[in-house]
Amino acid sequence: MCGKRPGFGHNKPWSKKKTNRRWDPNIQTVSAALSGRAKRINACTSCIKAGKVAVAS
């Protein structure tokens, strides 16, 4: 919905040996009301909480 993508960086433990890691956004499949019809979409939880996605019940 909002175009969130994974963030990339490094794990950095005490030994300073950096390894790659990724931070995934919390994406949920919800049934949303789009143009009067219920449709399943992928939306991040921050958009669902903010009310940017009209969740169909």
N, C-alpha and C. Protein backbone atom coordinates (compact mmCIF):
# COMPACT_ATOMS: atom_id res chain seq x y z
N MET A 1 0.83 -1.19 0.00
CA MET A 1 0.00 0.00 0.00
C MET A 1 0.87 1.25 0.00
N CYS A 2 1.79 1.34 0.94
CA CYS A 2 2.62 2.54 1.05
C CYS A 2 3.98 2.37 0.38
N GLY A 3 4.27 1.18 -0.14
CA GLY A 3 5.53 0.95 -0.86
C GLY A 3 6.72 0.66 0.03
N LYS A 4 6.46 0.18 1.27
CA LYS A 4 7.58 -0.14 2.15
C LYS A 4 8.34 -1.33 1.60
N ARG A 5 9.65 -1.28 1.76
CA ARG A 5 10.53 -2.35 1.33
C ARG A 5 11.47 -2.70 2.47
N PRO A 6 12.18 -3.82 2.37
CA PRO A 6 13.12 -4.17 3.43
C PRO A 6 14.25 -3.15 3.54
N GLY A 7 14.71 -2.95 4.76
CA GLY A 7 15.89 -2.12 5.00
C GLY A 7 17.10 -3.04 5.15
N PHE A 8 18.25 -2.60 4.67
CA PHE A 8 19.43 -3.44 4.71
C PHE A 8 20.51 -2.79 5.56
N GLY A 9 21.34 -3.63 6.17
CA GLY A 9 22.41 -3.13 7.00
C GLY A 9 23.32 -4.27 7.43
N HIS A 10 23.95 -4.12 8.57
CA HIS A 10 24.87 -5.13 9.08
C HIS A 10 24.52 -5.50 10.51
N ASN A 11 24.73 -6.78 10.85
CA ASN A 11 24.80 -7.18 12.24
C ASN A 11 26.19 -6.77 12.71
N LYS A 12 26.28 -6.19 13.88
CA LYS A 12 27.59 -5.77 14.38
C LYS A 12 27.75 -6.24 15.82
N PRO A 13 28.26 -7.45 16.01
CA PRO A 13 28.42 -7.96 17.36
C PRO A 13 29.66 -7.37 18.05
N TRP A 14 29.92 -7.84 19.24
CA TRP A 14 31.04 -7.35 20.05
C TRP A 14 32.37 -7.51 19.32
N SER A 15 32.50 -8.58 18.52
CA SER A 15 33.75 -8.86 17.81
C SER A 15 33.96 -7.95 16.61
N LYS A 16 32.98 -7.09 16.30
CA LYS A 16 33.03 -6.16 15.16
C LYS A 16 33.06 -6.85 13.80
N LYS A 17 32.75 -8.14 13.76
CA LYS A 17 32.69 -8.88 12.51
C LYS A 17 31.31 -8.65 11.89
N LYS A 18 31.24 -7.76 10.89
CA LYS A 18 29.95 -7.37 10.32
C LYS A 18 29.45 -8.43 9.35
N THR A 19 28.17 -8.77 9.49
CA THR A 19 27.51 -9.67 8.55
C THR A 19 26.24 -8.99 8.08
N ASN A 20 25.82 -9.33 6.87
CA ASN A 20 24.64 -8.69 6.29
C ASN A 20 23.37 -9.13 7.00
N ARG A 21 22.42 -8.21 7.09
CA ARG A 21 21.10 -8.53 7.61
C ARG A 21 20.07 -7.65 6.93
N ARG A 22 18.82 -8.00 7.09
CA ARG A 22 17.75 -7.19 6.52
C ARG A 22 16.62 -7.05 7.51
N TRP A 23 16.00 -5.88 7.51
CA TRP A 23 14.87 -5.57 8.37
C TRP A 23 13.62 -5.58 7.49
N ASP A 24 12.73 -6.55 7.69
CA ASP A 24 11.52 -6.64 6.88
C ASP A 24 10.40 -5.83 7.52
N PRO A 25 9.63 -5.11 6.71
CA PRO A 25 8.47 -4.40 7.25
C PRO A 25 7.38 -5.41 7.64
N ASN A 26 6.55 -5.02 8.59
CA ASN A 26 5.47 -5.89 9.06
C ASN A 26 4.30 -5.79 8.09
N ILE A 27 4.29 -6.67 7.09
CA ILE A 27 3.28 -6.67 6.04
C ILE A 27 2.24 -7.74 6.36
N GLN A 28 0.96 -7.36 6.30
CA GLN A 28 -0.13 -8.28 6.57
C GLN A 28 -1.07 -8.30 5.37
N THR A 29 -1.68 -9.45 5.12
CA THR A 29 -2.69 -9.57 4.08
C THR A 29 -4.03 -9.28 4.73
N VAL A 30 -4.72 -8.24 4.26
CA VAL A 30 -6.01 -7.85 4.83
C VAL A 30 -7.05 -7.72 3.72
N SER A 31 -8.28 -7.88 4.11
CA SER A 31 -9.39 -7.68 3.19
C SER A 31 -9.81 -6.22 3.30
N ALA A 32 -9.58 -5.45 2.26
CA ALA A 32 -9.84 -4.01 2.28
C ALA A 32 -10.97 -3.67 1.32
N ALA A 33 -11.67 -2.61 1.64
CA ALA A 33 -12.76 -2.14 0.78
C ALA A 33 -12.19 -1.18 -0.24
N LEU A 34 -12.07 -1.63 -1.48
CA LEU A 34 -11.58 -0.81 -2.58
C LEU A 34 -12.70 -0.61 -3.58
N SER A 35 -13.08 0.62 -3.81
CA SER A 35 -14.17 1.02 -4.71
C SER A 35 -15.45 0.23 -4.45
N GLY A 36 -15.77 0.08 -3.16
CA GLY A 36 -17.01 -0.58 -2.77
C GLY A 36 -16.98 -2.09 -2.73
N ARG A 37 -15.86 -2.70 -3.10
CA ARG A 37 -15.76 -4.15 -3.11
C ARG A 37 -14.63 -4.58 -2.18
N ALA A 38 -14.77 -5.75 -1.59
CA ALA A 38 -13.72 -6.29 -0.71
C ALA A 38 -12.64 -6.94 -1.57
N LYS A 39 -11.41 -6.57 -1.31
CA LYS A 39 -10.28 -7.13 -2.06
C LYS A 39 -9.14 -7.38 -1.10
N ARG A 40 -8.42 -8.49 -1.29
CA ARG A 40 -7.30 -8.81 -0.41
C ARG A 40 -6.06 -8.07 -0.91
N ILE A 41 -5.45 -7.31 -0.01
CA ILE A 41 -4.24 -6.56 -0.36
C ILE A 41 -3.20 -6.76 0.72
N ASN A 42 -1.95 -6.46 0.39
CA ASN A 42 -0.86 -6.47 1.36
C ASN A 42 -0.69 -5.05 1.87
N ALA A 43 -0.73 -4.89 3.19
CA ALA A 43 -0.60 -3.57 3.79
C ALA A 43 0.27 -3.68 5.03
N CYS A 44 1.06 -2.65 5.29
CA CYS A 44 1.89 -2.65 6.50
C CYS A 44 1.01 -2.29 7.70
N THR A 45 1.41 -2.73 8.87
CA THR A 45 0.59 -2.54 10.06
C THR A 45 0.48 -1.07 10.45
N SER A 46 1.48 -0.26 10.12
CA SER A 46 1.38 1.15 10.44
C SER A 46 0.30 1.83 9.61
N CYS A 47 0.09 1.40 8.36
CA CYS A 47 -0.99 1.95 7.53
C CYS A 47 -2.35 1.46 8.04
N ILE A 48 -2.42 0.22 8.50
CA ILE A 48 -3.68 -0.30 9.04
C ILE A 48 -4.05 0.46 10.31
N LYS A 49 -3.08 0.68 11.19
CA LYS A 49 -3.34 1.39 12.45
C LYS A 49 -3.71 2.85 12.20
N ALA A 50 -3.10 3.47 11.19
CA ALA A 50 -3.35 4.88 10.91
C ALA A 50 -4.68 5.10 10.18
N GLY A 51 -5.32 4.02 9.75
CA GLY A 51 -6.60 4.14 9.07
C GLY A 51 -6.46 4.44 7.59
N LYS A 52 -5.28 4.25 7.02
CA LYS A 52 -5.09 4.49 5.59
C LYS A 52 -5.72 3.37 4.76
N VAL A 53 -5.98 2.22 5.40
CA VAL A 53 -6.59 1.09 4.72
C VAL A 53 -7.95 0.86 5.36
N ALA A 54 -9.01 0.92 4.57
CA ALA A 54 -10.37 0.66 5.08
C ALA A 54 -10.57 -0.85 5.09
N VAL A 55 -10.41 -1.46 6.26
CA VAL A 55 -10.51 -2.91 6.39
C VAL A 55 -11.97 -3.33 6.32
N ALA A 56 -12.26 -4.24 5.37
CA ALA A 56 -13.64 -4.74 5.21
C ALA A 56 -13.87 -5.83 6.24
N SER A 57 -15.00 -5.79 6.91
CA SER A 57 -15.27 -6.79 7.95
C SER A 57 -16.25 -7.85 7.48
